[in-house]
Amino acid sequence: MKILVAGGAGYIGSHTCVALLEAGYEVVCADNLSNSSKDAISRVEKITNKSLPFYRVNLCDESATEKVFMEHSFDCVIHFAGLKAVPESVAMPVAYYNNNLNSTLNLCKMMKKYGVKRFIFSSSATVYKNGNEMPLVETMDLGCTNPYGWTKFMCEQILRDVCAAEKDWSVVLLRYFNPVGAHESGIIGEDPNGIPNNLMPRIVQALDGRLKNFTVTGDDYDTPDGTGVRDYIHVLDLVDGHVKAVDYAAKNTGCEAFNLGTGRGFSVLELINTFERVNGVKVPYSIAARRPGDIATCYADSSKAAKALGFKAEKTLEDMCRDTWRFSNGK
């Protein structure tokens, strides 16, 4: 089976390429490198000792996207190629709607034209409506608090509508919670361009001096220590869910959503304290106001994914912190 990994040079995409290659799949990567580096491709090849064909493509460009489909016969598409930062989406809504919706639409057009019927979509817990009880279950109310979430919500609806029209398609919507960590080799991990929006790379940049003023945004939430609580999942557990989703899509039709999380929430301060403890470092930080679009608490019920996909998160918060620091020191 040959799989197109759109956004495969990014953080989750590169780890998924490793897992797919190690599982015996043929993989082709397409990425515009807007928040990644081509170095990730050679690193994936080093870990797996396998070739990873790469196309530098903006998936919002229909003709450039079609060139990839013309040169390969794909069985499945995994779509990671989206802008993904909540606060940035609040400041740049048009860019987010343009990129995230048009890339999805172009992939769907090319899949229909070239007879590809399996689609794994990188969605998000941000599609759930604020006010749902925790843990979040796939049947709960949907609705978003920021443009990033709305782009995922809209893409999910597009894909549900495609499946309603194309009865032989299989679409898997994977709703992520908070991926962190790195490959155990220390060769690939999360290393965003510029100043990161996500917590773990901000901790790393505060420690290595790139981020001079690391702030914890909000300590007045209704949580045990006042900081936001999230379901942090190790990236290797997350990508295992993608490999299992590919197998599921090969055996089923229709559109299904699955949460990928651990089922446990940790606060920002718990994560920082764990990082300090397992790595023997002191993280410098200060407290700042809440960020627009953030909510107090978010964690998953992943029992549907466990039953249908055989998914289970195995790695601990300590593993996530330890692997992140190993990659940071070795890259």
Protein backbone atom coordinates (compact mmCIF):
# COMPACT_ATOMS: atom_id res chain seq x y z
CA MET A 1 0.00 0.00 0.00
CA LYS A 2 1.27 3.45 -0.94
CA ILE A 3 0.38 6.41 1.28
CA LEU A 4 0.67 10.14 0.63
CA VAL A 5 1.56 11.97 3.85
CA ALA A 6 0.61 15.62 3.33
CA GLY A 7 2.60 17.75 5.76
CA GLY A 8 4.95 14.84 6.32
CA ALA A 9 8.00 16.97 7.14
CA GLY A 10 6.31 18.46 10.19
CA TYR A 11 6.36 17.30 13.78
CA ILE A 12 3.59 14.69 13.76
CA GLY A 13 3.94 14.00 10.05
CA SER A 14 7.61 13.02 10.24
CA HIS A 15 6.98 10.66 13.16
CA THR A 16 4.09 9.13 11.23
CA CYS A 17 6.32 8.61 8.20
CA VAL A 18 8.73 6.66 10.41
CA ALA A 19 5.95 4.50 11.83
CA LEU A 20 4.45 3.80 8.40
CA LEU A 21 7.80 2.91 6.83
CA GLU A 22 8.61 0.63 9.74
CA ALA A 23 5.19 -1.02 9.31
CA GLY A 24 6.05 -1.84 5.68
CA TYR A 25 4.07 0.81 3.82
CA GLU A 26 5.37 2.80 0.86
CA VAL A 27 5.31 6.49 1.79
CA VAL A 28 5.52 9.72 -0.20
CA CYS A 29 5.83 13.07 1.60
CA ALA A 30 4.45 16.42 0.40
CA ASP A 31 5.12 19.57 2.41
CA ASN A 32 5.61 23.29 1.71
CA LEU A 33 8.12 23.57 4.62
CA SER A 34 6.32 26.62 6.04
CA ASN A 35 6.78 25.30 9.57
CA SER A 36 9.24 22.47 9.04
CA SER A 37 12.56 21.62 7.43
CA LYS A 38 13.65 19.22 4.71
CA ASP A 39 16.16 17.92 7.26
CA ALA A 40 13.24 15.94 8.68
CA ILE A 41 13.14 13.84 5.50
CA SER A 42 16.78 12.76 5.76
CA ARG A 43 16.30 12.09 9.47
CA VAL A 44 13.32 9.84 8.77
CA GLU A 45 15.43 8.00 6.19
CA LYS A 46 18.26 7.64 8.72
CA ILE A 47 15.98 6.15 11.37
CA THR A 48 14.24 3.73 9.00
CA ASN A 49 17.04 3.07 6.51
CA LYS A 50 14.40 3.50 3.81
CA SER A 51 13.82 6.06 1.07
CA LEU A 52 11.18 8.76 1.53
CA PRO A 53 10.29 10.52 -1.76
CA PHE A 54 9.66 14.22 -1.08
CA TYR A 55 7.74 16.93 -2.93
CA ARG A 56 7.94 20.55 -1.87
CA VAL A 57 4.33 21.43 -2.61
CA ASN A 58 1.80 23.96 -1.41
CA LEU A 59 -1.36 21.85 -1.29
CA CYS A 60 -3.46 24.97 -1.87
CA ASP A 61 -1.96 24.94 -5.37
CA GLU A 62 -4.19 22.53 -7.28
CA SER A 63 -1.89 21.97 -10.26
CA ALA A 64 1.16 21.36 -8.06
CA THR A 65 -0.85 18.92 -5.94
CA GLU A 66 -2.04 17.09 -9.04
CA LYS A 67 1.56 16.54 -10.16
CA VAL A 68 2.14 14.38 -7.07
CA PHE A 69 -0.97 12.30 -7.83
CA MET A 70 0.04 11.94 -11.48
CA GLU A 71 3.40 10.43 -10.53
CA HIS A 72 2.15 7.93 -7.93
CA SER A 73 -0.74 5.54 -7.48
CA PHE A 74 -1.87 6.13 -3.89
CA ASP A 75 -4.08 3.91 -1.77
CA CYS A 76 -4.50 6.36 1.10
CA VAL A 77 -3.91 10.01 2.03
CA ILE A 78 -3.01 11.23 5.53
CA HIS A 79 -3.52 14.99 5.83
CA PHE A 80 -1.37 16.93 8.34
CA ALA A 81 -0.77 19.99 6.16
CA GLY A 82 -2.59 22.60 8.21
CA LEU A 83 -1.69 25.71 10.17
CA LYS A 84 -2.18 24.76 13.80
CA ALA A 85 -1.69 27.48 16.45
CA VAL A 86 -4.76 28.73 18.30
CA PRO A 87 -3.50 32.27 19.17
CA GLU A 88 -2.03 32.74 15.69
CA SER A 89 -5.37 31.77 14.17
CA VAL A 90 -7.09 34.47 16.24
CA ALA A 91 -4.65 37.04 14.82
CA MET A 92 -4.59 35.61 11.26
CA PRO A 93 -8.02 34.08 10.58
CA VAL A 94 -8.01 34.53 6.80
CA ALA A 95 -4.67 32.72 6.43
CA TYR A 96 -5.98 29.83 8.51
CA TYR A 97 -9.26 29.48 6.61
CA ASN A 98 -7.45 29.75 3.28
CA ASN A 99 -4.77 27.19 4.02
CA ASN A 100 -6.67 24.61 6.02
CA LEU A 101 -9.83 24.49 3.93
CA ASN A 102 -8.27 24.80 0.47
CA SER A 103 -5.60 22.17 1.13
CA THR A 104 -8.34 19.74 2.21
CA LEU A 105 -10.53 20.56 -0.79
CA ASN A 106 -7.65 20.11 -3.23
CA LEU A 107 -6.73 16.74 -1.76
CA CYS A 108 -10.36 15.62 -2.04
CA LYS A 109 -10.49 16.76 -5.69
CA MET A 110 -7.33 14.85 -6.56
CA MET A 111 -8.43 11.75 -4.65
CA LYS A 112 -11.72 11.66 -6.58
CA LYS A 113 -9.97 12.25 -9.89
CA TYR A 114 -7.33 9.57 -9.31
CA GLY A 115 -9.50 6.99 -7.53
CA VAL A 116 -8.08 7.23 -4.01
CA LYS A 117 -10.75 6.40 -1.45
CA ARG A 118 -9.08 6.35 1.99
CA PHE A 119 -8.46 9.56 3.89
CA ILE A 120 -7.03 10.01 7.40
CA PHE A 121 -7.60 13.56 8.63
CA SER A 122 -5.63 15.35 11.33
CA SER A 123 -8.41 16.96 13.35
CA SER A 124 -8.39 18.39 16.86
CA ALA A 125 -10.10 18.44 20.23
CA THR A 126 -10.78 22.13 19.50
CA VAL A 127 -13.85 21.04 17.49
CA TYR A 128 -15.71 20.35 20.76
CA LYS A 129 -18.04 23.00 22.09
CA ASN A 130 -16.91 24.81 25.23
CA GLY A 131 -19.00 23.69 28.20
CA ASN A 132 -19.03 19.95 27.51
CA GLU A 133 -18.32 17.79 30.54
CA MET A 134 -14.96 16.05 30.74
CA PRO A 135 -13.81 13.68 29.45
CA LEU A 136 -14.82 14.54 25.91
CA VAL A 137 -16.67 11.87 23.93
CA GLU A 138 -17.09 11.88 20.14
CA THR A 139 -20.88 12.25 20.42
CA MET A 140 -20.69 15.49 22.42
CA ASP A 141 -21.68 18.89 21.05
CA LEU A 142 -19.33 20.47 18.53
CA GLY A 143 -18.52 24.18 18.26
CA CYS A 144 -15.35 26.19 18.48
CA THR A 145 -13.80 29.14 20.31
CA ASN A 146 -11.17 30.12 17.72
CA PRO A 147 -10.58 30.12 13.94
CA TYR A 148 -8.17 27.17 14.09
CA GLY A 149 -10.88 25.03 15.65
CA TRP A 150 -13.44 26.20 13.11
CA THR A 151 -11.16 25.19 10.23
CA LYS A 152 -10.99 21.66 11.65
CA PHE A 153 -14.74 21.66 12.23
CA MET A 154 -15.40 22.76 8.65
CA CYS A 155 -12.96 20.23 7.19
CA GLU A 156 -14.67 17.48 9.16
CA GLN A 157 -18.01 18.55 7.67
CA ILE A 158 -16.55 18.62 4.16
CA LEU A 159 -15.27 15.08 4.62
CA ARG A 160 -18.56 13.83 6.07
CA ASP A 161 -20.35 15.27 3.05
CA VAL A 162 -17.85 13.64 0.68
CA CYS A 163 -18.47 10.27 2.34
CA ALA A 164 -22.23 10.76 2.06
CA ALA A 165 -21.80 11.30 -1.69
CA GLU A 166 -19.04 8.73 -2.27
CA LYS A 167 -20.30 5.56 -0.59
CA ASP A 168 -17.07 3.60 -1.16
CA TRP A 169 -14.86 6.16 0.58
CA SER A 170 -13.43 5.64 4.06
CA VAL A 171 -12.59 8.76 6.08
CA VAL A 172 -11.13 8.66 9.59
CA LEU A 173 -11.22 11.90 11.58
CA LEU A 174 -8.58 11.75 14.31
CA ARG A 175 -9.21 14.34 17.01
CA TYR A 176 -5.88 15.01 18.72
CA PHE A 177 -5.46 16.37 22.17
CA ASN A 178 -1.94 17.70 22.97
CA PRO A 179 0.92 15.86 21.25
CA VAL A 180 4.34 16.22 22.88
CA GLY A 181 7.57 14.20 23.11
CA ALA A 182 9.96 12.96 20.44
CA HIS A 183 11.27 9.81 18.81
CA GLU A 184 13.34 7.73 21.23
CA SER A 185 16.35 8.01 18.88
CA GLY A 186 16.53 11.75 19.61
CA ILE A 187 16.81 12.36 15.85
CA ILE A 188 13.36 13.83 15.19
CA GLY A 189 11.10 15.85 17.44
CA GLU A 190 9.19 19.11 17.70
CA ASP A 191 11.31 22.01 16.45
CA PRO A 192 9.03 24.73 15.02
CA ASN A 193 10.30 27.70 13.07
CA GLY A 194 10.36 30.99 14.96
CA ILE A 195 8.74 31.48 18.37
CA PRO A 196 6.52 28.46 19.10
CA ASN A 197 2.96 28.63 20.34
CA ASN A 198 2.84 25.18 21.94
CA LEU A 199 3.93 24.65 25.53
CA MET A 200 6.66 22.01 25.29
CA PRO A 201 8.81 23.74 22.65
CA ARG A 202 8.44 26.98 24.61
CA ILE A 203 9.87 25.24 27.66
CA VAL A 204 12.80 23.99 25.58
CA GLN A 205 13.46 27.41 24.08
CA ALA A 206 13.32 29.01 27.53
CA LEU A 207 16.02 26.59 28.67
CA ASP A 208 18.31 26.97 25.66
CA GLY A 209 18.03 30.77 25.67
CA ARG A 210 16.11 31.29 22.44
CA LEU A 211 13.00 32.42 24.33
CA LYS A 212 13.93 35.22 26.71
CA ASN A 213 10.56 35.65 28.36
CA PHE A 214 8.69 32.36 28.79
CA THR A 215 5.25 32.97 30.26
CA VAL A 216 2.59 30.67 31.63
CA THR A 217 -0.55 32.21 30.15
CA GLY A 218 -3.23 32.24 32.81
CA ASP A 219 -3.13 31.10 36.45
CA ASP A 220 -6.74 31.98 37.30
CA TYR A 221 -8.60 29.13 35.61
CA ASP A 222 -10.96 26.92 37.60
CA THR A 223 -8.36 24.15 37.93
CA PRO A 224 -6.43 22.75 40.92
CA ASP A 225 -3.46 25.12 40.50
CA GLY A 226 -5.11 27.78 38.30
CA THR A 227 -3.26 26.85 35.12
CA GLY A 228 -4.82 25.20 32.09
CA VAL A 229 -5.28 21.42 32.13
CA ARG A 230 -4.66 19.43 28.94
CA ASP A 231 -4.46 15.82 27.81
CA TYR A 232 -0.80 15.49 26.77
CA ILE A 233 -0.15 12.47 24.57
CA HIS A 234 3.25 11.19 23.46
CA VAL A 235 3.72 11.67 19.72
CA LEU A 236 4.67 8.01 19.31
CA ASP A 237 1.38 6.91 20.85
CA LEU A 238 -0.40 9.37 18.58
CA VAL A 239 1.23 8.10 15.39
CA ASP A 240 0.46 4.52 16.40
CA GLY A 241 -3.16 5.63 16.23
CA HIS A 242 -2.57 6.75 12.63
CA VAL A 243 -1.08 3.41 11.60
CA LYS A 244 -4.09 1.66 13.14
CA ALA A 245 -6.41 4.12 11.36
CA VAL A 246 -4.89 3.18 7.99
CA ASP A 247 -5.70 -0.46 8.68
CA TYR A 248 -9.21 0.49 9.81
CA ALA A 249 -9.81 2.53 6.64
CA ALA A 250 -8.78 -0.43 4.49
CA LYS A 251 -11.53 -2.56 6.06
CA ASN A 252 -14.38 -0.06 6.50
CA THR A 253 -16.27 2.59 4.56
CA GLY A 254 -17.98 5.75 5.76
CA CYS A 255 -16.77 8.53 8.04
CA GLU A 256 -15.88 8.04 11.70
CA ALA A 257 -14.33 10.36 14.30
CA PHE A 258 -11.99 9.11 17.03
CA ASN A 259 -10.40 10.87 19.99
CA LEU A 260 -6.67 10.21 20.45
CA GLY A 261 -5.66 11.08 24.00
CA THR A 262 -4.62 9.48 27.27
CA GLY A 263 -7.78 10.21 29.24
CA ARG A 264 -5.84 12.13 31.88
CA GLY A 265 -5.36 15.88 32.19
CA PHE A 266 -2.20 17.57 33.51
CA SER A 267 -1.87 21.27 34.28
CA VAL A 268 0.78 23.52 32.77
CA LEU A 269 2.58 23.69 36.10
CA GLU A 270 2.44 19.90 36.51
CA LEU A 271 4.10 19.55 33.12
CA ILE A 272 6.80 22.11 33.98
CA ASN A 273 7.46 20.47 37.36
CA THR A 274 7.71 17.03 35.75
CA PHE A 275 10.08 18.35 33.08
CA GLU A 276 12.31 19.83 35.77
CA ARG A 277 12.29 16.65 37.86
CA VAL A 278 13.05 14.06 35.17
CA ASN A 279 15.65 16.19 33.36
CA GLY A 280 17.37 17.86 36.33
CA VAL A 281 16.80 21.40 35.06
CA LYS A 282 15.09 24.58 36.28
CA VAL A 283 12.61 26.14 33.86
CA PRO A 284 12.49 29.97 34.05
CA TYR A 285 8.98 31.32 33.65
CA SER A 286 6.62 34.08 34.69
CA ILE A 287 2.83 34.31 34.81
CA ALA A 288 0.90 36.28 32.17
CA ALA A 289 -2.73 36.84 31.24
CA ARG A 290 -4.81 34.19 29.52
CA ARG A 291 -4.47 33.78 25.76
CA PRO A 292 -7.50 34.51 23.55
CA GLY A 293 -9.34 31.33 22.60
CA ASP A 294 -7.95 29.10 25.37
CA ILE A 295 -10.18 27.08 27.70
CA ALA A 296 -9.55 25.83 31.24
CA THR A 297 -9.69 22.04 30.92
CA CYS A 298 -9.66 19.56 28.07
CA TYR A 299 -9.07 15.80 28.13
CA ALA A 300 -10.28 12.79 26.18
CA ASP A 301 -12.32 9.67 26.43
CA SER A 302 -10.56 7.46 23.87
CA SER A 303 -12.58 4.29 24.49
CA LYS A 304 -14.08 4.41 20.98
CA ALA A 305 -10.59 4.37 19.44
CA ALA A 306 -9.58 1.57 21.81
CA LYS A 307 -12.50 -0.58 20.70
CA ALA A 308 -12.51 0.14 16.96
CA LEU A 309 -8.81 0.76 16.27
CA GLY A 310 -7.09 -1.11 19.08
CA PHE A 311 -5.55 2.19 20.20
CA LYS A 312 -4.06 2.70 23.65
CA ALA A 313 -1.69 5.41 24.87
CA GLU A 314 1.19 3.69 26.68
CA LYS A 315 3.76 6.40 27.44
CA THR A 316 3.85 8.53 30.59
CA LEU A 317 4.27 12.26 31.15
CA GLU A 318 7.80 11.47 32.31
CA ASP A 319 8.51 9.76 28.96
CA MET A 320 7.19 12.82 27.12
CA CYS A 321 9.45 15.21 29.05
CA ARG A 322 12.51 12.97 28.89
CA ASP A 323 12.25 12.31 25.13
CA THR A 324 11.67 16.00 24.38
CA TRP A 325 14.84 17.02 26.24
CA ARG A 326 16.88 14.24 24.60
CA PHE A 327 15.88 15.48 21.14
CA SER A 328 16.56 19.11 22.09
CA ASN A 329 20.06 18.28 23.28
CA GLY A 330 20.89 16.08 20.31
CA LYS A 331 19.50 17.93 17.31
